[in-house]
């Protein structure tokens, strides 16, 4: 049971550009590149949660990619964002639209989390499951099933679409053709957004 009292982000707080996708799809690499090129902050949801738990001396029972208490983790994320000091009008936040629970089941992140987050726009990065599989094998030295990865990615896309519709913000699905192409596409949107111009993606 979550004991945190979550407060929605204040109206004057910077609103994130949320970039989601399953593990191994290339979120962090792409976001770091966009952040460097546009000189805007980049935060990672899992890092914020991990740091908050460390500072609050909360014992972390999560294992690998599995999350024991998804609602509590998302409450922590919103609290961490609320407490963060960001000297910019917007920032990039990479994370997930779905998470894997302690039993290995894919669970959607509640729409309420994104309502409190109040993002300017949503992106979801996708890739061929076979390529994600080979990438994770090199990175984690674990051989994930490509069929399982496809199921996870389909669930991620479906929840992203539900969230975009539920909070009425634009959603852009982009295949991970290359880091350069991805950063160019996302960077173009963010530049237009920061300049208050209609997006042309």
Foldseek 3Di string as FASTA:
>chain_A
DAPDDADFADPQAAAEAEEEEDPQQCVVVLQVVLCVVVVAAEEELVVLLVVLCVVVVNDAPADDQAHADLVNSLSSSRVSSNPDDGPDNYHYYYDFQWGQHPVRDIGGRDLVSCVSSVHQAYEYEDEQLVNSQVSCCVVVVDRDDSVVSVVNRVVRVVSVVVSCVVNVHYYHYYYCPDSVVSSVQVSQQVVCVVVVHDRDD
